[in-house]
């Protein structure tokens, strides 16, 4: 396993330079605002992705009825079906970003 560096902004230092510290002493307070902002952004992207997915699924359902009646081309049907699949993948990616944001917010 490889350790990954994380750069954070501290809001306050709890020790003096050169001062004595003991195990368990609080040295820094990490500013949680950037992590909260990242989480909020991910949550907004998830909401957008879900709305887009809903529309794409409805368009795919309409396309299924239209292709059965030969009212649209096979190419148009494939385009709508692919849009629905892509939208579902976007939702999964946004859900992962929200989960990451939640984890980072709890850690900081």
Protein backbone atom coordinates (compact mmCIF):
# COMPACT_ATOMS: atom_id res chain seq x y z
CA UNK A 1 0.00 0.00 0.00
CA UNK A 2 1.29 3.43 -0.90
CA UNK A 3 0.77 6.42 1.38
CA UNK A 4 -0.66 9.46 -0.34
CA UNK A 5 0.26 12.96 0.74
CA UNK A 6 -2.57 15.31 1.54
CA UNK A 7 -2.14 19.05 1.75
CA UNK A 8 -4.50 20.82 4.08
CA UNK A 9 -4.81 24.30 5.43
CA UNK A 10 -4.49 24.58 9.16
CA UNK A 11 -6.48 27.23 10.98
CA UNK A 12 -4.35 27.33 14.08
CA UNK A 13 -1.15 25.92 15.48
CA UNK A 14 -1.55 24.50 18.96
CA UNK A 15 2.14 24.32 19.85
CA UNK A 16 4.98 26.78 20.02
CA UNK A 17 8.02 26.29 17.83
CA UNK A 18 10.61 24.42 19.81
CA UNK A 19 8.12 23.82 22.62
CA UNK A 20 7.71 20.48 24.30
CA UNK A 21 4.87 18.27 23.15
CA UNK A 22 3.56 15.06 24.62
CA UNK A 23 1.88 12.10 22.99
CA UNK A 24 -1.73 12.97 22.29
CA UNK A 25 -1.18 16.75 22.29
CA UNK A 26 -3.16 18.57 19.61
CA UNK A 27 -0.65 20.21 17.27
CA UNK A 28 -2.84 21.67 14.51
CA UNK A 29 -6.48 22.20 13.65
CA UNK A 30 -7.20 21.48 9.99
CA UNK A 31 -9.61 23.85 8.27
CA UNK A 32 -12.62 21.71 7.28
CA UNK A 33 -14.11 24.25 4.84
CA UNK A 34 -12.33 23.01 1.67
CA UNK A 35 -13.48 19.46 2.41
CA UNK A 36 -17.04 20.59 3.05
CA UNK A 37 -17.04 22.62 -0.17
CA UNK A 38 -15.81 19.59 -2.13
CA UNK A 39 -18.56 17.47 -0.58
CA UNK A 40 -21.22 20.07 -1.36
CA UNK A 41 -20.00 20.27 -4.96
CA UNK A 42 -20.10 16.48 -5.31
CA UNK A 43 -23.62 16.39 -3.86
CA UNK A 44 -24.78 19.00 -6.37
CA UNK A 45 -23.18 17.03 -9.22
CA UNK A 46 -25.00 13.93 -8.01
CA UNK A 47 -28.35 15.73 -8.03
CA UNK A 48 -27.64 16.95 -11.57
CA UNK A 49 -26.60 13.48 -12.72
CA UNK A 50 -29.76 11.92 -11.27
CA UNK A 51 -31.97 14.46 -13.03
CA UNK A 52 -30.14 13.88 -16.31
CA UNK A 53 -30.45 10.12 -15.85
CA UNK A 54 -34.22 10.41 -15.28
CA UNK A 55 -34.64 12.40 -18.50
CA UNK A 56 -32.45 10.00 -20.48
CA UNK A 57 -34.42 7.00 -19.22
CA UNK A 58 -37.69 8.65 -20.24
CA UNK A 59 -36.26 9.43 -23.68
CA UNK A 60 -35.14 5.82 -24.04
CA UNK A 61 -38.62 4.56 -23.13
CA UNK A 62 -40.19 6.91 -25.71
CA UNK A 63 -37.65 5.75 -28.27
CA UNK A 64 -38.59 2.11 -27.60
CA UNK A 65 -42.22 2.89 -28.44
CA UNK A 66 -41.24 4.92 -31.49
CA UNK A 67 -38.86 2.31 -32.89
CA UNK A 68 -41.57 -0.34 -32.52
CA UNK A 69 -43.83 1.85 -34.68
CA UNK A 70 -40.97 2.60 -37.08
CA UNK A 71 -41.33 6.30 -36.28
CA UNK A 72 -37.60 6.82 -35.64
CA UNK A 73 -34.44 5.41 -37.15
CA UNK A 74 -32.38 2.70 -35.53
CA UNK A 75 -29.57 5.24 -35.19
CA UNK A 76 -31.81 7.61 -33.19
CA UNK A 77 -32.91 4.73 -30.97
CA UNK A 78 -29.28 3.69 -30.35
CA UNK A 79 -28.35 7.29 -29.52
CA UNK A 80 -31.09 7.55 -26.91
CA UNK A 81 -30.27 4.16 -25.40
CA UNK A 82 -26.58 5.08 -25.18
CA UNK A 83 -27.49 8.39 -23.54
CA UNK A 84 -29.40 6.51 -20.89
CA UNK A 85 -26.47 4.16 -20.24
CA UNK A 86 -24.02 7.06 -20.03
CA UNK A 87 -26.29 8.92 -17.62
CA UNK A 88 -26.44 5.89 -15.33
CA UNK A 89 -22.64 5.73 -15.32
CA UNK A 90 -22.49 9.45 -14.49
CA UNK A 91 -24.73 8.82 -11.46
CA UNK A 92 -22.43 6.06 -10.22
CA UNK A 93 -19.39 8.32 -10.62
CA UNK A 94 -21.13 11.15 -8.76
CA UNK A 95 -22.14 8.76 -5.97
CA UNK A 96 -18.49 7.75 -5.60
CA UNK A 97 -17.45 11.42 -5.45
CA UNK A 98 -20.01 12.05 -2.69
CA UNK A 99 -18.75 9.04 -0.73
CA UNK A 100 -15.18 10.32 -1.06
CA UNK A 101 -16.28 13.78 0.08
CA UNK A 102 -18.06 12.30 3.10
CA UNK A 103 -14.95 10.35 4.06
CA UNK A 104 -12.68 13.36 3.72
CA UNK A 105 -15.07 15.54 5.70
CA UNK A 106 -15.13 13.03 8.57
CA UNK A 107 -11.34 12.71 8.59
CA UNK A 108 -10.77 16.44 8.69
